[in-house]
Structures are given as C-alpha cells and as structure tokens.
Amino acid sequence: MQEHLLIDGNNALHAIPEIERELKHDRNLARDSLLRMLEPLATKGNSLVTVVFDGRDSPQSLRKHRGINEFTIIFSSSVEGADGAIEKMLMAAKHPDRIIVVTNDGLIRNCAYAHGASAMRVEEMVKRMDYEIESIQASRVREKPFKGGDSFENKIPFPK
C-alpha cells in the first residue's frame, strides 16, 4: 500500500527559502508554488500527498490539487489549526505506519511518533523531491528512441 505524506503546509512555507521569500509578498502565490513543487511526489513518487494549511475564519475544507487523486489540500478550521487537524488525522489513521508527517515542528513530529507514524524534516522532503525529479528526467532520457539517421561516429575534430 502507498505511503502517505502528511505535510504541515505553513511550516513548509517557512522552511523552504525560495517559498519563504514569496511568502513575504504574497501568501497565495507562496502556497501555489509549494503545491506545484510537491506535485512530483504525488504523480511520479507513488505517494499519497496531503498538505494541511491553517484555515482562517472558516470551517475545515478539503479539495484535490489540480484533479490529482493522490494529492489533497486541507484548510483546517480556524478553531483547531493545521496542527490540530494533523493530530486528528494521526489519531484516526487505520495504518499510521504508512504515514510520514513532514514538518520541522518538534511537537508535531513527536505526535507522529506517539501515534505510530514516521516523521521527516522539510529539508529531507526537498531532497526526496529532487531525487524524484532527477529520476523522471533520467527515465525520459532512457526512453528517447534511436533514430535510423542518428550516427555514433566521432564528430570531435582531432589534429592530424
């Protein structure tokens, strides 16, 4: 069964320097950048991805990101916040051993461990995303078909 990456969205916004710079100017743009950055984990990484953001003055909402079934975005209720929503999800999980909570928040990481889940720092997730992207690019290079007109002859001019 697939692993489930449960990502503390607000924590990730502040932990990734490029996104944090955007966050200072436009919160929605920073969120969109984070979500686009995470797409390879859901589409090619064979993982379920759930990003939990703090909601503001509203009840909890849930939606799929760009129609990707493996990628869910949750805006927590303003009462419980993202941390509370993550904790509730961990408590309700039937298979917490398949969950990896992604956050730099020590309390949430400890909560994950206490409920039988794993945790990783945001920086570790970024390294994993880099690996997924490199794997995708490498597979595209391998899939490039050989054309009959392609030549393997040496085209480097050597002095005679």
Protein backbone atom coordinates (compact mmCIF):
# COMPACT_ATOMS: atom_id res chain seq x y z
CA MET A 1 0.00 0.00 0.00
CA GLN A 2 1.11 3.57 -0.68
CA GLU A 3 2.83 5.70 1.88
CA HIS A 4 1.01 8.86 2.86
CA LEU A 5 2.96 12.11 3.16
CA LEU A 6 1.12 14.39 5.56
CA ILE A 7 2.69 17.82 5.15
CA ASP A 8 2.45 20.74 7.58
CA GLY A 9 1.89 23.35 4.88
CA ASN A 10 2.55 26.52 6.87
CA ASN A 11 5.70 25.02 8.35
CA ALA A 12 6.93 24.09 4.86
CA LEU A 13 6.21 27.62 3.58
CA HIS A 14 8.67 28.98 6.15
CA ALA A 15 11.24 26.18 5.84
CA ILE A 16 11.95 26.44 2.10
CA PRO A 17 13.91 29.65 1.44
CA GLU A 18 12.56 30.32 -2.08
CA ILE A 19 8.98 29.89 -0.90
CA GLU A 20 9.56 31.96 2.24
CA ARG A 21 10.73 34.87 0.07
CA GLU A 22 7.47 34.64 -1.92
CA LEU A 23 5.52 34.38 1.32
CA LYS A 24 6.71 37.84 2.37
CA HIS A 25 4.99 39.31 -0.70
CA ASP A 26 2.03 37.06 -1.49
CA ARG A 27 0.76 34.20 0.69
CA ASN A 28 -1.41 32.66 -2.03
CA LEU A 29 1.43 32.69 -4.56
CA ALA A 30 3.71 31.02 -2.00
CA ARG A 31 1.10 28.31 -1.36
CA ASP A 32 0.70 27.69 -5.09
CA SER A 33 4.47 27.45 -5.51
CA LEU A 34 4.68 24.90 -2.69
CA LEU A 35 1.87 22.82 -4.17
CA ARG A 36 3.46 22.82 -7.64
CA MET A 37 6.78 21.85 -6.06
CA LEU A 38 5.12 18.85 -4.37
CA GLU A 39 3.34 17.52 -7.47
CA PRO A 40 6.09 15.04 -8.49
CA LEU A 41 5.71 13.25 -5.15
CA ALA A 42 2.05 12.51 -5.92
CA THR A 43 2.27 11.95 -9.66
CA LYS A 44 5.56 10.07 -10.00
CA GLY A 45 6.61 9.36 -6.43
CA ASN A 46 3.92 6.74 -5.79
CA SER A 47 2.81 8.53 -2.62
CA LEU A 48 -0.42 9.96 -1.35
CA VAL A 49 0.20 13.61 -0.51
CA THR A 50 -1.90 15.70 1.87
CA VAL A 51 -0.94 19.29 2.62
CA VAL A 52 -2.60 20.87 5.65
CA PHE A 53 -2.74 24.67 5.91
CA ASP A 54 -4.14 26.81 8.70
CA GLY A 55 -7.66 27.97 7.85
CA ARG A 56 -8.86 31.43 8.71
CA ASP A 57 -12.33 32.31 9.99
CA SER A 58 -13.91 29.33 8.27
CA PRO A 59 -14.76 25.67 8.74
CA GLN A 60 -12.39 22.98 7.54
CA SER A 61 -12.28 22.50 3.76
CA LEU A 62 -10.79 19.77 1.60
CA ARG A 63 -10.05 19.64 -2.14
CA LYS A 64 -7.94 17.78 -4.68
CA HIS A 65 -5.00 19.62 -6.21
CA ARG A 66 -5.42 20.05 -9.98
CA GLY A 67 -7.55 16.91 -10.21
CA ILE A 68 -4.75 14.65 -8.94
CA ASN A 69 -6.47 11.95 -6.87
CA GLU A 70 -3.32 11.30 -4.83
CA PHE A 71 -2.92 14.98 -3.84
CA THR A 72 -5.24 16.55 -1.27
CA ILE A 73 -5.22 20.05 0.20
CA ILE A 74 -6.86 20.70 3.57
CA PHE A 75 -7.52 24.08 5.12
CA SER A 76 -8.10 23.41 8.80
CA SER A 77 -10.82 25.10 10.77
CA SER A 78 -9.76 28.32 12.44
CA VAL A 79 -10.51 26.67 15.79
CA GLU A 80 -8.15 23.67 15.58
CA GLY A 81 -5.46 24.95 13.20
CA ALA A 82 -3.28 22.78 10.99
CA ASP A 83 -1.51 21.17 13.95
CA GLY A 84 -4.82 20.05 15.43
CA ALA A 85 -6.02 18.71 12.08
CA ILE A 86 -2.79 16.72 11.64
CA GLU A 87 -3.12 15.30 15.15
CA LYS A 88 -6.75 14.26 14.50
CA MET A 89 -5.73 12.55 11.27
CA LEU A 90 -2.99 10.64 13.08
CA MET A 91 -5.38 9.53 15.83
CA ALA A 92 -7.96 8.35 13.28
CA ALA A 93 -5.49 6.57 10.97
CA LYS A 94 -6.06 2.84 10.47
CA HIS A 95 -2.47 2.38 9.24
CA PRO A 96 -0.35 5.06 10.93
CA ASP A 97 2.78 3.11 9.99
CA ARG A 98 2.21 4.24 6.38
CA ILE A 99 2.10 7.93 7.32
CA ILE A 100 5.11 10.21 7.20
CA VAL A 101 4.49 13.62 8.75
CA VAL A 102 6.61 16.31 7.11
CA THR A 103 7.35 19.21 9.46
CA ASN A 104 10.14 20.92 11.32
CA ASP A 105 7.83 21.39 14.32
CA GLY A 106 9.16 19.16 17.11
CA LEU A 107 5.79 18.81 18.86
CA ILE A 108 4.05 17.59 15.71
CA ARG A 109 6.93 15.22 14.96
CA ASN A 110 6.63 13.78 18.48
CA CYS A 111 2.87 13.47 17.99
CA ALA A 112 3.52 11.46 14.82
CA TYR A 113 5.89 9.11 16.65
CA ALA A 114 3.43 8.72 19.54
CA HIS A 115 0.70 7.57 17.13
CA GLY A 116 2.90 5.08 15.27
CA ALA A 117 3.72 7.26 12.25
CA SER A 118 7.09 8.43 10.98
CA ALA A 119 8.29 11.99 10.53
CA MET A 120 10.76 13.78 8.34
CA ARG A 121 12.05 17.31 8.26
CA VAL A 122 11.04 19.58 5.39
CA GLU A 123 14.64 19.62 4.13
CA GLU A 124 14.56 15.82 3.80
CA MET A 125 11.37 16.07 1.75
CA VAL A 126 13.02 18.62 -0.57
CA LYS A 127 15.90 16.20 -1.14
CA ARG A 128 13.37 13.49 -1.92
CA MET A 129 11.60 15.77 -4.41
CA ASP A 130 14.92 16.49 -6.10
CA TYR A 131 15.51 12.73 -6.38
CA GLU A 132 12.04 12.18 -7.90
CA ILE A 133 12.62 14.95 -10.46
CA GLU A 134 16.04 13.55 -11.38
CA SER A 135 14.50 10.08 -11.77
CA ILE A 136 11.81 11.46 -14.09
CA GLN A 137 14.40 13.25 -16.20
CA ALA A 138 16.63 10.17 -16.35
CA SER A 139 13.73 7.97 -17.47
CA ARG A 140 12.91 10.43 -20.25
CA VAL A 141 16.49 10.27 -21.49
CA ARG A 142 16.38 6.45 -21.47
CA GLU A 143 13.08 6.45 -23.36
CA LYS A 144 14.40 8.63 -26.20
CA PRO A 145 14.15 6.39 -29.26
CA PHE A 146 17.12 5.81 -31.54
CA LYS A 147 16.53 7.25 -34.98
CA GLY A 148 17.94 5.48 -38.02
CA GLY A 149 19.68 8.66 -39.18
CA ASP A 150 21.46 9.16 -35.85
CA SER A 151 25.14 8.46 -36.08
CA PHE A 152 27.56 7.34 -33.42
CA GLU A 153 30.59 8.49 -35.38
CA ASN A 154 33.05 10.77 -33.61
CA LYS A 155 32.35 14.39 -34.50
CA ILE A 156 35.16 15.85 -32.42
CA PRO A 157 37.88 17.25 -34.67
CA PHE A 158 41.29 15.83 -33.79
CA PRO A 159 44.52 17.31 -35.17
CA LYS A 160 46.17 15.12 -37.78
